[in-house]
Amino acid sequence: MGKASSAKQDGDRRSRIAAQRAADQRAHRRNRLLLASGAIAAVVAVVLAFVLLQGGNGGSTSAGGPSGPTGASLTALTNKVTSVPAATLAQVGAGSVTSLPSTISGTPLTSEGKPEMLYIGAEYCPYCAAERWAVIVALSKFGTFKGLATLRSAAQDGAGNSEVYPNTATFTFANASYASKYLTFTHVEEYTNIPDKSTGGYTTLQTPTAAQQALLQKYDSANQGAIPFIDYGNKFMSVGASYDPGALSGLSWAQIADDMRTPSSPVAKGILGAANYATAAICGLTGDQPTTACTPTVTALRSKI
């Protein structure tokens, strides 16, 4: 990619992230200040109490309603999302993606002897809500998930401020596991979607390690720690939603999963286009293996990153 094209892409990416950040990062910054002030014990107590009340169901309940399908319905939904036909993905191609992964350089990020893909997000975050659909579709081409649970992004923070794209139907990675012989997927959901009036933000869920925080500081500081943040082995990174989360507004989990099978739908163009670019980045870590994932459509997209 030429320098002029790279500069334009970087400028477009920064402009998009700045627009997202204005709406999304209020609570994120408040919670970071909370951690820095030493109030960790209080928020942990709230989280523990919530977990006990939930009975370990693996997902949060937002102000917008129940967390979504469970049991057999959840299994059917997950199976549908993790088995999108290759022909459908190829037909969508780049879809309606507005933000591509960008190239970064650093010591290769690995875990368990394999390339590592690091995701940092939060359950309240609508941009994370949109991106998780694409991440799940992409990673399912390289391995298998267990323990995915559904939830909605938040409607209001603890200060009563309305969130953009409220109650977006999505999944959470909080209690999920992922197995692959090609890469390691590490996920951190920093906050729940439960408003915390004592902080004006949301209750704490998971905390990045010092090493993960260092990567966030190194590669995401220009965006003030905007989420979701995805580091593909220190070779590529993605910040914010790759497509317009508005494509999912008002839709149920089942409607989104169904629309993903229609290549001409706004949902498919957004989710599957983003999934194809995520797959292209992952293939750059795995040496284009397996070939069932790293198709000609995908490798062609990687040339645009």
Protein backbone atom coordinates (compact mmCIF):
# COMPACT_ATOMS: atom_id res chain seq x y z
CA MET A 1 0.00 0.00 0.00
CA GLY A 2 1.39 3.43 -0.97
CA LYS A 3 2.29 6.04 1.62
CA ALA A 4 -0.51 8.35 0.48
CA SER A 5 -3.12 5.60 0.75
CA SER A 6 -1.78 4.55 4.15
CA ALA A 7 -1.90 8.12 5.40
CA LYS A 8 -5.48 8.56 4.17
CA GLN A 9 -6.57 5.28 5.75
CA ASP A 10 -4.92 6.26 9.03
CA GLY A 11 -6.60 9.65 8.92
CA ASP A 12 -10.00 8.12 8.24
CA ARG A 13 -9.48 5.61 11.05
CA ARG A 14 -8.53 8.33 13.52
CA SER A 15 -11.55 10.46 12.56
CA ARG A 16 -13.93 7.53 13.02
CA ILE A 17 -12.42 6.57 16.35
CA ALA A 18 -12.62 10.17 17.58
CA ALA A 19 -16.35 10.22 16.80
CA GLN A 20 -16.91 6.92 18.61
CA ARG A 21 -14.81 7.98 21.56
CA ALA A 22 -16.93 11.07 22.25
CA ALA A 23 -19.90 8.84 23.08
CA ASP A 24 -18.24 5.69 24.37
CA GLN A 25 -15.25 6.68 26.48
CA ARG A 26 -16.93 8.71 29.24
CA ALA A 27 -17.55 5.66 31.39
CA HIS A 28 -14.30 4.01 30.34
CA ARG A 29 -12.21 6.93 31.60
CA ARG A 30 -14.24 7.23 34.80
CA ASN A 31 -13.67 3.61 35.64
CA ARG A 32 -9.94 3.85 34.95
CA LEU A 33 -9.76 6.76 37.39
CA LEU A 34 -11.69 4.68 39.90
CA LEU A 35 -9.11 1.91 39.70
CA ALA A 36 -6.29 4.40 40.05
CA SER A 37 -7.86 5.90 43.17
CA GLY A 38 -7.71 2.59 45.02
CA ALA A 39 -11.45 1.81 45.18
CA ILE A 40 -11.02 -1.66 43.73
CA ALA A 41 -12.35 -3.46 46.78
CA ALA A 42 -15.71 -1.71 46.61
CA VAL A 43 -16.41 -2.52 42.97
CA VAL A 44 -15.19 -6.11 43.38
CA ALA A 45 -17.68 -6.55 46.19
CA VAL A 46 -20.47 -5.34 43.92
CA VAL A 47 -19.40 -7.72 41.17
CA LEU A 48 -19.21 -10.69 43.53
CA ALA A 49 -22.66 -9.94 44.85
CA PHE A 50 -24.00 -9.73 41.31
CA VAL A 51 -22.40 -13.04 40.33
CA LEU A 52 -23.95 -14.75 43.33
CA LEU A 53 -27.37 -13.34 42.45
CA GLN A 54 -27.01 -14.43 38.85
CA GLY A 55 -26.12 -17.96 39.87
CA GLY A 56 -23.15 -18.14 37.54
CA ASN A 57 -25.10 -17.85 34.30
CA GLY A 58 -22.08 -16.43 32.43
CA GLY A 59 -23.77 -13.24 31.26
CA SER A 60 -24.97 -9.93 32.60
CA THR A 61 -28.43 -8.44 32.56
CA SER A 62 -28.58 -4.91 31.18
CA ALA A 63 -31.08 -2.17 31.88
CA GLY A 64 -32.62 -3.11 28.55
CA GLY A 65 -33.89 -6.52 29.62
CA PRO A 66 -32.87 -10.17 29.96
CA SER A 67 -29.56 -11.43 28.69
CA GLY A 68 -31.09 -13.40 25.84
CA PRO A 69 -31.35 -17.02 24.70
CA THR A 70 -30.24 -19.77 27.06
CA GLY A 71 -30.15 -23.55 26.99
CA ALA A 72 -31.07 -25.20 23.69
CA SER A 73 -31.93 -21.83 22.11
CA LEU A 74 -28.47 -20.50 22.93
CA THR A 75 -26.84 -23.64 21.51
CA ALA A 76 -28.81 -23.29 18.28
CA LEU A 77 -27.93 -19.60 18.02
CA THR A 78 -24.22 -20.20 18.65
CA ASN A 79 -24.12 -23.02 16.11
CA LYS A 80 -25.66 -20.74 13.50
CA VAL A 81 -23.21 -17.91 14.14
CA THR A 82 -20.16 -20.18 14.17
CA SER A 83 -21.02 -21.98 10.93
CA VAL A 84 -21.56 -19.25 8.36
CA PRO A 85 -21.02 -20.85 4.92
CA ALA A 86 -17.79 -20.01 3.13
CA ALA A 87 -19.78 -19.10 0.03
CA THR A 88 -21.73 -16.48 1.97
CA LEU A 89 -18.55 -14.97 3.39
CA ALA A 90 -16.98 -14.89 -0.09
CA GLN A 91 -20.05 -13.21 -1.55
CA VAL A 92 -19.93 -10.46 1.09
CA GLY A 93 -16.19 -9.86 0.71
CA ALA A 94 -15.26 -6.46 2.15
CA GLY A 95 -18.92 -5.71 2.86
CA SER A 96 -19.62 -2.34 4.48
CA VAL A 97 -16.47 -2.20 6.60
CA THR A 98 -15.49 1.38 7.39
CA SER A 99 -12.37 0.68 9.45
CA LEU A 100 -9.75 -1.86 8.43
CA PRO A 101 -7.15 -3.41 10.73
CA SER A 102 -3.88 -1.51 10.58
CA THR A 103 -0.32 -2.81 10.51
CA ILE A 104 1.81 -2.48 13.66
CA SER A 105 5.26 -3.74 14.57
CA GLY A 106 6.66 -5.12 17.77
CA THR A 107 7.92 -8.27 19.39
CA PRO A 108 5.61 -11.08 18.19
CA LEU A 109 2.79 -11.61 20.66
CA THR A 110 2.54 -15.30 21.50
CA SER A 111 0.95 -17.54 24.10
CA GLU A 112 1.18 -21.29 24.61
CA GLY A 113 3.65 -21.44 21.74
CA LYS A 114 1.16 -19.96 19.25
CA PRO A 115 0.38 -16.49 17.90
CA GLU A 116 -1.90 -14.61 20.30
CA MET A 117 -4.92 -12.49 19.45
CA LEU A 118 -5.77 -10.14 22.32
CA TYR A 119 -9.23 -8.58 22.69
CA ILE A 120 -9.99 -5.88 25.27
CA GLY A 121 -13.56 -4.63 25.53
CA ALA A 122 -16.48 -4.21 27.92
CA GLU A 123 -20.02 -5.50 28.16
CA TYR A 124 -21.61 -2.03 28.26
CA CYS A 125 -19.89 -0.94 25.04
CA PRO A 126 -22.06 -0.91 21.85
CA TYR A 127 -19.01 -0.89 19.58
CA CYS A 128 -17.74 -4.02 21.33
CA ALA A 129 -21.22 -5.50 20.95
CA ALA A 130 -21.06 -5.08 17.19
CA GLU A 131 -17.47 -6.28 16.85
CA ARG A 132 -17.94 -9.48 18.88
CA TRP A 133 -20.25 -10.92 16.22
CA ALA A 134 -17.50 -10.56 13.62
CA VAL A 135 -14.77 -11.85 15.95
CA ILE A 136 -16.81 -14.98 16.72
CA VAL A 137 -17.45 -15.67 13.03
CA ALA A 138 -13.77 -15.21 12.18
CA LEU A 139 -12.30 -17.23 15.06
CA SER A 140 -14.72 -20.09 14.41
CA LYS A 141 -12.79 -20.73 11.19
CA PHE A 142 -9.69 -21.57 13.27
CA GLY A 143 -11.08 -23.25 16.40
CA THR A 144 -14.05 -23.67 18.70
CA PHE A 145 -15.73 -21.62 21.42
CA LYS A 146 -17.29 -22.88 24.62
CA GLY A 147 -19.26 -20.91 27.16
CA LEU A 148 -20.42 -18.01 25.00
CA ALA A 149 -23.32 -16.18 26.62
CA THR A 150 -25.66 -13.51 25.30
CA LEU A 151 -26.30 -10.05 26.68
CA ARG A 152 -27.14 -6.53 25.56
CA SER A 153 -24.98 -3.44 25.59
CA ALA A 154 -25.98 -0.81 28.15
CA ALA A 155 -28.75 1.75 27.83
CA GLN A 156 -27.55 4.21 30.50
CA ASP A 157 -24.43 4.59 32.60
CA GLY A 158 -24.38 5.07 36.36
CA ALA A 159 -24.76 8.83 35.98
CA GLY A 160 -27.94 8.42 33.94
CA ASN A 161 -26.33 9.36 30.62
CA SER A 162 -27.83 7.56 27.63
CA GLU A 163 -25.53 5.34 25.57
CA VAL A 164 -25.49 5.35 21.78
CA TYR A 165 -26.93 2.22 20.12
CA PRO A 166 -28.49 1.13 23.44
CA ASN A 167 -29.38 -2.49 24.19
CA THR A 168 -27.54 -3.92 21.19
CA ALA A 169 -27.91 -7.71 21.16
CA THR A 170 -24.53 -9.42 21.40
CA PHE A 171 -22.43 -12.03 23.20
CA THR A 172 -19.92 -11.72 26.04
CA PHE A 173 -16.50 -13.37 26.19
CA ALA A 174 -16.36 -13.06 30.00
CA ASN A 175 -16.72 -16.77 30.79
CA ALA A 176 -15.99 -18.20 27.35
CA SER A 177 -13.07 -20.39 26.36
CA TYR A 178 -11.53 -20.91 22.94
CA ALA A 179 -9.43 -23.80 21.62
CA SER A 180 -7.37 -23.77 18.43
CA LYS A 181 -4.20 -25.41 17.21
CA TYR A 182 -3.42 -22.29 15.18
CA LEU A 183 -3.61 -19.42 17.68
CA THR A 184 -4.48 -18.39 21.23
CA PHE A 185 -7.39 -16.03 21.80
CA THR A 186 -7.14 -13.97 24.99
CA HIS A 187 -10.09 -11.82 25.99
CA VAL A 188 -10.69 -9.20 28.67
CA GLU A 189 -14.14 -7.77 29.35
CA GLU A 190 -13.21 -4.87 31.65
CA TYR A 191 -16.68 -3.84 32.79
CA THR A 192 -20.19 -5.24 32.99
CA ASN A 193 -23.24 -3.55 31.51
CA ILE A 194 -24.53 -2.87 35.05
CA PRO A 195 -24.59 0.85 35.89
CA ASP A 196 -22.70 1.86 39.04
CA LYS A 197 -24.17 5.03 40.54
CA SER A 198 -21.26 5.39 42.94
CA THR A 199 -18.86 5.98 40.05
CA GLY A 200 -21.14 7.13 37.26
CA GLY A 201 -19.83 4.26 35.14
CA TYR A 202 -20.16 0.49 35.28
CA THR A 203 -19.09 -2.26 37.65
CA THR A 204 -15.69 -3.83 37.11
CA LEU A 205 -15.59 -7.32 35.63
CA GLN A 206 -12.07 -8.29 34.49
CA THR A 207 -8.77 -6.41 34.80
CA PRO A 208 -6.01 -6.49 32.15
CA THR A 209 -2.64 -7.81 33.24
CA ALA A 210 0.32 -5.44 33.37
CA ALA A 211 1.51 -6.82 30.01
CA GLN A 212 -1.90 -6.36 28.41
CA GLN A 213 -2.16 -2.84 29.82
CA ALA A 214 1.25 -2.07 28.35
CA LEU A 215 0.06 -3.13 24.89
CA LEU A 216 -3.04 -0.97 25.27
CA GLN A 217 -0.86 1.97 26.26
CA LYS A 218 1.59 1.41 23.41
CA TYR A 219 -0.85 0.92 20.56
CA ASP A 220 -4.08 2.56 21.74
CA SER A 221 -2.86 5.62 23.66
CA ALA A 222 -3.48 7.90 20.67
CA ASN A 223 -7.13 6.88 20.94
CA GLN A 224 -7.21 7.36 24.75
CA GLY A 225 -7.73 3.64 25.26
CA ALA A 226 -10.79 3.36 23.01
CA ILE A 227 -12.46 -0.04 22.91
CA PRO A 228 -12.78 -2.61 21.53
CA PHE A 229 -9.04 -2.97 21.11
CA ILE A 230 -7.75 -6.02 19.24
CA ASP A 231 -4.08 -6.88 18.87
CA TYR A 232 -3.35 -9.55 16.29
CA GLY A 233 0.02 -10.90 17.43
CA ASN A 234 1.58 -7.41 17.44
CA LYS A 235 1.33 -7.54 13.64
CA PHE A 236 -2.06 -5.92 13.13
CA MET A 237 -4.47 -4.04 15.37
CA SER A 238 -8.07 -2.86 15.30
CA VAL A 239 -9.68 -0.15 17.44
CA GLY A 240 -13.42 0.53 17.66
CA ALA A 241 -16.15 -1.09 15.60
CA SER A 242 -15.21 -2.07 12.05
CA TYR A 243 -18.69 -1.23 10.76
CA ASP A 244 -21.74 0.82 11.76
CA PRO A 245 -23.29 -0.69 14.93
CA GLY A 246 -26.55 0.90 13.84
CA ALA A 247 -27.00 -2.02 11.46
CA LEU A 248 -27.94 -4.12 14.51
CA SER A 249 -30.25 -1.59 16.18
CA GLY A 250 -33.58 -3.02 17.30
CA LEU A 251 -32.75 -6.56 16.17
CA SER A 252 -32.89 -9.70 18.29
CA TRP A 253 -30.12 -12.29 18.39
CA ALA A 254 -32.14 -14.60 16.14
CA GLN A 255 -32.80 -11.83 13.60
CA ILE A 256 -29.11 -10.94 13.44
CA ALA A 257 -28.11 -14.58 13.01
CA ASP A 258 -30.69 -15.03 10.25
CA ASP A 259 -29.72 -11.82 8.44
CA MET A 260 -26.09 -12.93 8.44
CA ARG A 261 -27.10 -15.65 5.98
CA THR A 262 -28.39 -13.05 3.48
CA PRO A 263 -25.29 -11.48 1.86
CA SER A 264 -27.18 -8.40 0.64
CA SER A 265 -28.47 -7.45 4.11
CA PRO A 266 -26.88 -4.58 6.07
CA VAL A 267 -26.21 -7.03 8.91
CA ALA A 268 -24.28 -9.46 6.69
CA LYS A 269 -22.35 -6.67 4.98
CA GLY A 270 -21.28 -5.31 8.37
CA ILE A 271 -20.60 -8.44 10.39
CA LEU A 272 -19.26 -10.70 7.65
CA GLY A 273 -17.22 -7.94 6.01
CA ALA A 274 -15.57 -7.29 9.38
CA ALA A 275 -15.16 -11.04 9.93
CA ASN A 276 -13.40 -11.39 6.59
CA TYR A 277 -10.90 -8.66 7.48
CA ALA A 278 -10.35 -10.20 10.93
CA THR A 279 -9.78 -13.56 9.25
CA ALA A 280 -7.29 -11.94 6.88
CA ALA A 281 -5.33 -10.57 9.85
CA ILE A 282 -5.38 -13.94 11.62
CA CYS A 283 -4.21 -15.70 8.45
CA GLY A 284 -1.26 -13.32 8.50
CA LEU A 285 -0.31 -14.89 11.85
CA THR A 286 -0.92 -18.53 10.95
CA GLY A 287 0.93 -18.66 7.63
CA ASP A 288 -2.40 -18.80 5.77
CA GLN A 289 -3.49 -21.95 7.54
CA PRO A 290 -5.94 -23.57 7.40
CA THR A 291 -6.75 -23.08 3.74
CA THR A 292 -10.46 -23.51 4.53
CA ALA A 293 -10.27 -20.19 6.40
CA CYS A 294 -7.54 -18.43 4.42
CA THR A 295 -9.39 -18.42 1.12
CA PRO A 296 -8.50 -16.34 -1.98
CA THR A 297 -11.15 -13.81 -0.92
CA VAL A 298 -9.50 -13.43 2.47
CA THR A 299 -5.91 -13.23 1.22
CA ALA A 300 -6.98 -10.58 -1.29
CA LEU A 301 -8.40 -8.49 1.56
CA ARG A 302 -5.14 -8.73 3.50
CA SER A 303 -3.39 -6.85 0.70
CA LYS A 304 -5.61 -3.88 1.59
CA ILE A 305 -4.55 -3.77 5.24
